[in-house]
């Protein structure tokens, strides 16, 4: 990764340039056949527990 170095009164500081991904690149890395994590299944399949409007 490219690194920029800046100097100032407090010394030198490095900032790393992070890679920016497009939505298409992120979706391409997803496995649609992977099982959902337990916490996601509890959220989508669970019963209402409060004042949710359905």
C-alpha atoms as a PDB file:
ATOM      1  CA  UNK A   1       0.000   0.000   0.000  1.00  0.00           C
ATOM      2  CA  UNK A   2       1.265   3.480  -0.737  1.00  0.00           C
ATOM      3  CA  UNK A   3       2.302   5.493   2.318  1.00  0.00           C
ATOM      4  CA  UNK A   4       2.447   9.290   2.587  1.00  0.00           C
ATOM      5  CA  UNK A   5       4.746  10.856   5.167  1.00  0.00           C
ATOM      6  CA  UNK A   6       3.936  14.270   6.603  1.00  0.00           C
ATOM      7  CA  UNK A   7       6.103  16.290   8.961  1.00  0.00           C
ATOM      8  CA  UNK A   8       4.961  18.927  11.376  1.00  0.00           C
ATOM      9  CA  UNK A   9       5.616  20.370  14.818  1.00  0.00           C
ATOM     10  CA  UNK A  10       5.002  17.021  16.505  1.00  0.00           C
ATOM     11  CA  UNK A  11       7.328  15.018  14.243  1.00  0.00           C
ATOM     12  CA  UNK A  12       6.576  12.740  11.327  1.00  0.00           C
ATOM     13  CA  UNK A  13       3.289  10.962  10.713  1.00  0.00           C
ATOM     14  CA  UNK A  14       2.500   8.337   8.112  1.00  0.00           C
ATOM     15  CA  UNK A  15      -0.911   7.895   6.563  1.00  0.00           C
ATOM     16  CA  UNK A  16      -1.690   4.735   4.626  1.00  0.00           C
ATOM     17  CA  UNK A  17      -3.783   5.063   1.480  1.00  0.00           C
ATOM     18  CA  UNK A  18      -6.552   2.495   1.819  1.00  0.00           C
ATOM     19  CA  UNK A  19      -7.930   0.606  -1.138  1.00  0.00           C
ATOM     20  CA  UNK A  20     -11.479   1.651  -2.041  1.00  0.00           C
ATOM     21  CA  UNK A  21     -13.697  -1.131  -3.320  1.00  0.00           C
ATOM     22  CA  UNK A  22     -16.691  -0.779  -5.608  1.00  0.00           C
ATOM     23  CA  UNK A  23     -19.982  -2.426  -4.725  1.00  0.00           C
ATOM     24  CA  UNK A  24     -19.520  -4.836  -7.641  1.00  0.00           C
ATOM     25  CA  UNK A  25     -16.102  -5.913  -6.300  1.00  0.00           C
ATOM     26  CA  UNK A  26     -17.514  -6.556  -2.830  1.00  0.00           C
ATOM     27  CA  UNK A  27     -20.509  -8.496  -4.137  1.00  0.00           C
ATOM     28  CA  UNK A  28     -18.209 -10.605  -6.333  1.00  0.00           C
ATOM     29  CA  UNK A  29     -16.401 -11.761  -3.161  1.00  0.00           C
ATOM     30  CA  UNK A  30     -19.644 -12.900  -1.483  1.00  0.00           C
ATOM     31  CA  UNK A  31     -20.699 -16.534  -1.340  1.00  0.00           C
ATOM     32  CA  UNK A  32     -24.502 -16.597  -1.742  1.00  0.00           C
ATOM     33  CA  UNK A  33     -24.577 -20.259  -0.645  1.00  0.00           C
ATOM     34  CA  UNK A  34     -22.873 -19.562   2.699  1.00  0.00           C
ATOM     35  CA  UNK A  35     -25.139 -20.029   5.720  1.00  0.00           C
ATOM     36  CA  UNK A  36     -26.230 -16.882   7.526  1.00  0.00           C
ATOM     37  CA  UNK A  37     -24.557 -16.243  10.892  1.00  0.00           C
ATOM     38  CA  UNK A  38     -26.663 -17.212  13.923  1.00  0.00           C
ATOM     39  CA  UNK A  39     -27.190 -13.584  14.975  1.00  0.00           C
ATOM     40  CA  UNK A  40     -28.605 -12.722  11.538  1.00  0.00           C
ATOM     41  CA  UNK A  41     -30.994 -15.662  11.618  1.00  0.00           C
ATOM     42  CA  UNK A  42     -32.202 -14.652  15.081  1.00  0.00           C
ATOM     43  CA  UNK A  43     -32.878 -11.141  13.753  1.00  0.00           C
ATOM     44  CA  UNK A  44     -34.780 -12.216  10.626  1.00  0.00           C
ATOM     45  CA  UNK A  45     -36.558 -15.311  11.952  1.00  0.00           C
ATOM     46  CA  UNK A  46     -37.169 -14.326  15.579  1.00  0.00           C
ATOM     47  CA  UNK A  47     -40.391 -13.295  17.223  1.00  0.00           C
ATOM     48  CA  UNK A  48     -41.131  -9.661  18.151  1.00  0.00           C
ATOM     49  CA  UNK A  49     -39.891  -8.856  21.669  1.00  0.00           C
ATOM     50  CA  UNK A  50     -41.121  -5.306  22.252  1.00  0.00           C
ATOM     51  CA  UNK A  51     -43.124  -2.611  20.522  1.00  0.00           C
ATOM     52  CA  UNK A  52     -42.125  -3.464  16.953  1.00  0.00           C
ATOM     53  CA  UNK A  53     -44.631  -2.448  14.308  1.00  0.00           C
ATOM     54  CA  UNK A  54     -45.263  -5.267  11.871  1.00  0.00           C
END
